[in-house]
């Protein structure tokens, strides 16, 4: 698993980094929105 991921990252360096950063940002924003909605509606 780790070896396959490392090989994939070496062949797709910049797009993989961009996709990873964007997905982390999206995950955090969705978590904040859902958590905020959950806190407000409790």
C-alpha atoms as a PDB file:
ATOM      1  CA  UNK A   1       0.000   0.000   0.000  1.00  0.00           C
ATOM      2  CA  UNK A   2       2.675   2.511   1.025  1.00  0.00           C
ATOM      3  CA  UNK A   3       4.919   1.502  -1.883  1.00  0.00           C
ATOM      4  CA  UNK A   4       2.074   1.891  -4.387  1.00  0.00           C
ATOM      5  CA  UNK A   5       1.184   5.290  -2.950  1.00  0.00           C
ATOM      6  CA  UNK A   6       4.828   6.394  -3.091  1.00  0.00           C
ATOM      7  CA  UNK A   7       5.139   5.262  -6.729  1.00  0.00           C
ATOM      8  CA  UNK A   8       1.919   7.073  -7.635  1.00  0.00           C
ATOM      9  CA  UNK A   9       3.119  10.256  -5.946  1.00  0.00           C
ATOM     10  CA  UNK A  10       6.439  10.117  -7.809  1.00  0.00           C
ATOM     11  CA  UNK A  11       4.676   9.882 -11.170  1.00  0.00           C
ATOM     12  CA  UNK A  12       1.990  12.502 -10.397  1.00  0.00           C
ATOM     13  CA  UNK A  13       3.818  14.860  -8.031  1.00  0.00           C
ATOM     14  CA  UNK A  14       2.249  18.295  -8.500  1.00  0.00           C
ATOM     15  CA  UNK A  15      -1.338  17.253  -9.365  1.00  0.00           C
ATOM     16  CA  UNK A  16      -1.343  14.829  -6.434  1.00  0.00           C
ATOM     17  CA  UNK A  17      -0.208  17.533  -4.011  1.00  0.00           C
ATOM     18  CA  UNK A  18      -2.831  19.958  -5.336  1.00  0.00           C
ATOM     19  CA  UNK A  19      -5.592  17.330  -5.101  1.00  0.00           C
ATOM     20  CA  UNK A  20      -4.527  16.364  -1.577  1.00  0.00           C
ATOM     21  CA  UNK A  21      -4.510  19.983  -0.365  1.00  0.00           C
ATOM     22  CA  UNK A  22      -7.887  20.720  -1.956  1.00  0.00           C
ATOM     23  CA  UNK A  23      -9.446  17.568  -0.523  1.00  0.00           C
ATOM     24  CA  UNK A  24      -8.165  18.380   2.978  1.00  0.00           C
ATOM     25  CA  UNK A  25      -9.582  21.921   2.697  1.00  0.00           C
ATOM     26  CA  UNK A  26     -12.921  20.576   1.461  1.00  0.00           C
ATOM     27  CA  UNK A  27     -13.060  17.992   4.257  1.00  0.00           C
ATOM     28  CA  UNK A  28     -12.334  20.622   6.906  1.00  0.00           C
ATOM     29  CA  UNK A  29     -14.921  23.059   5.540  1.00  0.00           C
ATOM     30  CA  UNK A  30     -17.611  20.378   5.324  1.00  0.00           C
ATOM     31  CA  UNK A  31     -16.785  19.293   8.878  1.00  0.00           C
ATOM     32  CA  UNK A  32     -17.049  22.882  10.126  1.00  0.00           C
ATOM     33  CA  UNK A  33     -20.364  23.464   8.340  1.00  0.00           C
ATOM     34  CA  UNK A  34     -21.917  20.195   9.533  1.00  0.00           C
ATOM     35  CA  UNK A  35     -20.557  20.654  13.058  1.00  0.00           C
ATOM     36  CA  UNK A  36     -21.802  24.223  13.233  1.00  0.00           C
ATOM     37  CA  UNK A  37     -25.236  23.206  11.965  1.00  0.00           C
ATOM     38  CA  UNK A  38     -25.329  20.376  14.505  1.00  0.00           C
ATOM     39  CA  UNK A  39     -24.388  22.747  17.352  1.00  0.00           C
ATOM     40  CA  UNK A  40     -26.986  25.341  16.328  1.00  0.00           C
ATOM     41  CA  UNK A  41     -29.820  22.839  15.954  1.00  0.00           C
ATOM     42  CA  UNK A  42     -29.141  20.994  19.228  1.00  0.00           C
END
